[in-house]
C-alpha cells in the first residue's frame, strides 16, 4: 500500500511532530537540569560541556519523533 500524502496529512504530521518534539524537549531539559543540579555544575563552561553531551541524543530523539509522526499520519490504515 502506498502512503497518503496530501496537504492535510502532511499538515497533521507536522503538527504531531511539533507536539511530540516539545514534549521530548521538556523531558530532555528536565533531565539536563536534574543532572546539572545533582553534580552542582555551575557556570557557562559546565553548561556548554553538558549541553554538548546532550546535543546528539536530543537530535536523535527529535528525528525519531518526526519519523514516527510522519509514518503515523500518512499510513493508509489510519485514514
Protein backbone atom coordinates (compact mmCIF):
# COMPACT_ATOMS: atom_id res chain seq x y z
CA UNK A 1 0.00 0.00 0.00
CA UNK A 2 1.11 3.49 -0.75
CA UNK A 3 1.29 6.27 1.81
CA UNK A 4 -1.31 9.01 1.59
CA UNK A 5 0.47 12.34 1.09
CA UNK A 6 -1.99 15.18 0.88
CA UNK A 7 -1.76 18.68 2.30
CA UNK A 8 -3.97 17.62 5.21
CA UNK A 9 -1.95 14.54 6.15
CA UNK A 10 1.35 16.41 5.89
CA UNK A 11 -0.02 19.27 7.98
CA UNK A 12 -1.21 16.81 10.60
CA UNK A 13 2.21 15.12 10.54
CA UNK A 14 3.94 18.46 11.14
CA UNK A 15 1.55 19.30 13.99
CA UNK A 16 2.05 15.90 15.63
CA UNK A 17 5.82 16.14 15.21
CA UNK A 18 5.86 19.61 16.79
CA UNK A 19 3.75 18.46 19.72
CA UNK A 20 5.91 15.40 20.36
CA UNK A 21 9.13 17.39 19.89
CA UNK A 22 8.04 19.92 22.50
CA UNK A 23 7.22 17.10 24.92
CA UNK A 24 10.60 15.48 24.26
CA UNK A 25 12.41 18.80 24.70
CA UNK A 26 10.70 19.32 28.06
CA UNK A 27 11.79 15.88 29.24
CA UNK A 28 15.35 16.38 27.98
CA UNK A 29 15.52 19.82 29.59
CA UNK A 30 14.30 18.44 32.90
CA UNK A 31 16.90 15.68 32.76
CA UNK A 32 19.60 18.26 31.92
CA UNK A 33 18.53 20.43 34.84
CA UNK A 34 18.45 17.47 37.26
CA UNK A 35 21.93 16.29 36.26
CA UNK A 36 23.37 19.81 36.43
CA UNK A 37 21.85 20.37 39.88
CA UNK A 38 22.95 16.97 41.18
CA UNK A 39 26.53 17.44 40.02
CA UNK A 40 26.49 21.10 41.12
CA UNK A 41 27.63 22.23 37.69
CA UNK A 42 27.56 26.00 37.76
CA UNK A 43 28.90 28.41 35.23
CA UNK A 44 28.97 28.77 31.49
CA UNK A 45 31.73 26.24 30.80
CA UNK A 46 29.92 23.45 32.64
CA UNK A 47 26.68 24.28 30.86
CA UNK A 48 28.39 24.14 27.46
CA UNK A 49 30.00 20.77 28.24
CA UNK A 50 26.76 19.27 29.48
CA UNK A 51 24.88 20.78 26.52
CA UNK A 52 27.37 19.21 24.11
CA UNK A 53 26.86 15.83 25.75
CA UNK A 54 23.08 16.17 25.39
CA UNK A 55 23.12 17.53 21.81
CA UNK A 56 23.50 14.30 19.85
CA UNK A 57 20.95 12.20 21.79
CA UNK A 58 18.49 15.11 21.66
CA UNK A 59 18.83 15.42 17.89
CA UNK A 60 18.32 11.66 17.54
CA UNK A 61 15.16 11.74 19.68
CA UNK A 62 13.72 14.62 17.65
CA UNK A 63 14.48 12.78 14.40
CA UNK A 64 12.78 9.61 15.64
CA UNK A 65 9.74 11.59 16.83
CA UNK A 66 9.43 13.30 13.44
CA UNK A 67 9.69 9.99 11.59
CA UNK A 68 7.08 8.39 13.88
CA UNK A 69 4.65 11.25 13.33
CA UNK A 70 5.09 11.12 9.56
CA UNK A 71 4.61 7.34 9.47
CA UNK A 72 1.53 7.51 11.66
CA UNK A 73 -0.18 10.35 9.81
CA UNK A 74 0.44 9.08 6.29
CA UNK A 75 -0.41 5.43 6.99
CA UNK A 76 -3.46 4.37 4.93
CA UNK A 77 -4.80 2.30 7.83
CA UNK A 78 -5.18 5.45 9.94
CA UNK A 79 -7.22 7.37 7.40
